[in-house]
Amino acid sequence: MQAYAEYLCIDTIADADLMYVARYALLADLPPGWAAYLDADGNEFFHNAATAESQYEHPLDNTYREMYRDLKAKKAAGLGAGA
C-alpha cells in the first residue's frame, strides 16, 4: 500500500492519517464499461470497449489523487479530513 500511496502522490509521512485514500483506491472497482487485461509482458492494463480507450493507469486513479488533495487542503485549512 505504501508504494501505491506514493504513486498517487500521497505524502505518507506528513499525511499518514490520509493513507485510507490509498486503501480505497486499491480496492476500487472499475467503472462501468472498463475491464482489466494483461498485456504480452504480463502487465495489467484497462480497456473500455465502448470508447475503445486503453490505458495502464486504473481509470479512477485521478479521482483518488483529487480526493487526497481535497482532504489535504481541508486539513491544512483546519477543517479536518472529515469536513
C-alpha atoms as a PDB file:
ATOM      1  CA  MET A   1       0.000   0.000   0.000  1.00  0.00           C
ATOM      2  CA  GLN A   2       2.934   2.320   0.698  1.00  0.00           C
ATOM      3  CA  ALA A   3       4.145   2.197  -2.914  1.00  0.00           C
ATOM      4  CA  TYR A   4       0.644   2.747  -4.279  1.00  0.00           C
ATOM      5  CA  ALA A   5       0.130   5.702  -1.948  1.00  0.00           C
ATOM      6  CA  GLU A   6       3.356   7.233  -3.225  1.00  0.00           C
ATOM      7  CA  TYR A   7       2.216   6.545  -6.811  1.00  0.00           C
ATOM      8  CA  LEU A   8      -0.930   8.552  -6.014  1.00  0.00           C
ATOM      9  CA  CYS A   9       1.337  11.374  -4.733  1.00  0.00           C
ATOM     10  CA  ILE A  10       0.271  10.907  -1.118  1.00  0.00           C
ATOM     11  CA  ASP A  11       2.813  12.204   1.402  1.00  0.00           C
ATOM     12  CA  THR A  12       2.911   9.034   3.503  1.00  0.00           C
ATOM     13  CA  ILE A  13       4.785  10.733   6.353  1.00  0.00           C
ATOM     14  CA  ALA A  14       3.022  14.096   6.713  1.00  0.00           C
ATOM     15  CA  ASP A  15      -0.364  12.678   5.799  1.00  0.00           C
ATOM     16  CA  ALA A  16      -0.284   9.239   7.394  1.00  0.00           C
ATOM     17  CA  ASP A  17      -3.836   9.943   8.571  1.00  0.00           C
ATOM     18  CA  LEU A  18      -4.948  10.097   4.920  1.00  0.00           C
ATOM     19  CA  MET A  19      -3.479   6.735   3.903  1.00  0.00           C
ATOM     20  CA  TYR A  20      -7.000   5.357   3.810  1.00  0.00           C
ATOM     21  CA  VAL A  21      -7.354   7.082   0.431  1.00  0.00           C
ATOM     22  CA  ALA A  22      -4.734   4.692  -0.993  1.00  0.00           C
ATOM     23  CA  ARG A  23      -6.580   1.748   0.533  1.00  0.00           C
ATOM     24  CA  TYR A  24      -9.834   2.905  -1.082  1.00  0.00           C
ATOM     25  CA  ALA A  25      -8.035   3.286  -4.420  1.00  0.00           C
ATOM     26  CA  LEU A  26      -6.502  -0.184  -4.208  1.00  0.00           C
ATOM     27  CA  LEU A  27      -9.898  -1.741  -3.553  1.00  0.00           C
ATOM     28  CA  ALA A  28     -11.838   0.350  -6.071  1.00  0.00           C
ATOM     29  CA  ASP A  29     -13.952  -1.468  -8.600  1.00  0.00           C
ATOM     30  CA  LEU A  30     -13.604  -0.498 -12.220  1.00  0.00           C
ATOM     31  CA  PRO A  31     -16.159   1.974 -13.526  1.00  0.00           C
ATOM     32  CA  PRO A  32     -18.888   0.566 -15.783  1.00  0.00           C
ATOM     33  CA  GLY A  33     -17.603  -0.344 -19.229  1.00  0.00           C
ATOM     34  CA  TRP A  34     -13.993  -0.909 -18.116  1.00  0.00           C
ATOM     35  CA  ALA A  35     -12.254  -4.287 -17.889  1.00  0.00           C
ATOM     36  CA  ALA A  36      -8.758  -5.332 -16.789  1.00  0.00           C
ATOM     37  CA  TYR A  37      -6.464  -7.376 -19.026  1.00  0.00           C
ATOM     38  CA  LEU A  38      -2.820  -8.435 -19.139  1.00  0.00           C
ATOM     39  CA  ASP A  39      -0.543  -7.415 -21.995  1.00  0.00           C
ATOM     40  CA  ALA A  40       2.026  -9.729 -23.610  1.00  0.00           C
ATOM     41  CA  ASP A  41       4.520  -8.898 -20.836  1.00  0.00           C
ATOM     42  CA  GLY A  42       2.052  -9.665 -18.044  1.00  0.00           C
ATOM     43  CA  ASN A  43       1.351  -6.014 -17.173  1.00  0.00           C
ATOM     44  CA  GLU A  44      -2.192  -5.119 -16.244  1.00  0.00           C
ATOM     45  CA  PHE A  45      -3.978  -2.586 -18.408  1.00  0.00           C
ATOM     46  CA  PHE A  46      -7.535  -1.341 -18.618  1.00  0.00           C
ATOM     47  CA  HIS A  47      -9.814  -1.177 -21.625  1.00  0.00           C
ATOM     48  CA  ASN A  48     -13.161   0.446 -22.230  1.00  0.00           C
ATOM     49  CA  ALA A  49     -14.931  -1.362 -25.062  1.00  0.00           C
ATOM     50  CA  ALA A  50     -17.476   1.431 -25.591  1.00  0.00           C
ATOM     51  CA  THR A  51     -14.838   4.113 -26.184  1.00  0.00           C
ATOM     52  CA  ALA A  52     -12.023   1.814 -27.430  1.00  0.00           C
ATOM     53  CA  GLU A  53      -9.760   3.512 -24.873  1.00  0.00           C
ATOM     54  CA  SER A  54      -6.915   1.524 -23.280  1.00  0.00           C
ATOM     55  CA  GLN A  55      -4.589   2.669 -20.527  1.00  0.00           C
ATOM     56  CA  TYR A  56      -2.242   1.260 -17.931  1.00  0.00           C
ATOM     57  CA  GLU A  57      -3.461   3.510 -15.122  1.00  0.00           C
ATOM     58  CA  HIS A  58      -6.618   2.482 -13.264  1.00  0.00           C
ATOM     59  CA  PRO A  59      -9.429   4.708 -14.577  1.00  0.00           C
ATOM     60  CA  LEU A  60     -10.100   6.048 -11.075  1.00  0.00           C
ATOM     61  CA  ASP A  61      -6.521   6.888 -10.035  1.00  0.00           C
ATOM     62  CA  ASN A  62      -7.010  10.595 -10.771  1.00  0.00           C
ATOM     63  CA  THR A  63     -10.241  10.573  -8.765  1.00  0.00           C
ATOM     64  CA  TYR A  64      -8.347   9.318  -5.716  1.00  0.00           C
ATOM     65  CA  ARG A  65      -5.489  11.776  -6.287  1.00  0.00           C
ATOM     66  CA  GLU A  66      -8.055  14.581  -6.258  1.00  0.00           C
ATOM     67  CA  MET A  67      -9.714  13.146  -3.149  1.00  0.00           C
ATOM     68  CA  TYR A  68      -6.357  13.192  -1.370  1.00  0.00           C
ATOM     69  CA  ARG A  69      -5.609  16.772  -2.495  1.00  0.00           C
ATOM     70  CA  ASP A  70      -9.034  17.944  -1.319  1.00  0.00           C
ATOM     71  CA  LEU A  71      -8.671  16.254   2.070  1.00  0.00           C
ATOM     72  CA  LYS A  72      -5.132  17.617   2.474  1.00  0.00           C
ATOM     73  CA  ALA A  73      -6.353  21.151   1.687  1.00  0.00           C
ATOM     74  CA  LYS A  74      -9.178  20.832   4.217  1.00  0.00           C
ATOM     75  CA  LYS A  75      -6.734  19.582   6.811  1.00  0.00           C
ATOM     76  CA  ALA A  76      -4.375  22.488   6.111  1.00  0.00           C
ATOM     77  CA  ALA A  77      -7.276  24.930   6.449  1.00  0.00           C
ATOM     78  CA  GLY A  78      -8.090  23.449   9.856  1.00  0.00           C
ATOM     79  CA  LEU A  79     -11.330  21.912   8.656  1.00  0.00           C
ATOM     80  CA  GLY A  80     -10.245  18.340   9.363  1.00  0.00           C
ATOM     81  CA  ALA A  81     -10.168  15.431   6.950  1.00  0.00           C
ATOM     82  CA  GLY A  82     -13.803  14.597   7.610  1.00  0.00           C
ATOM     83  CA  ALA A  83     -15.168  18.075   6.893  1.00  0.00           C
END
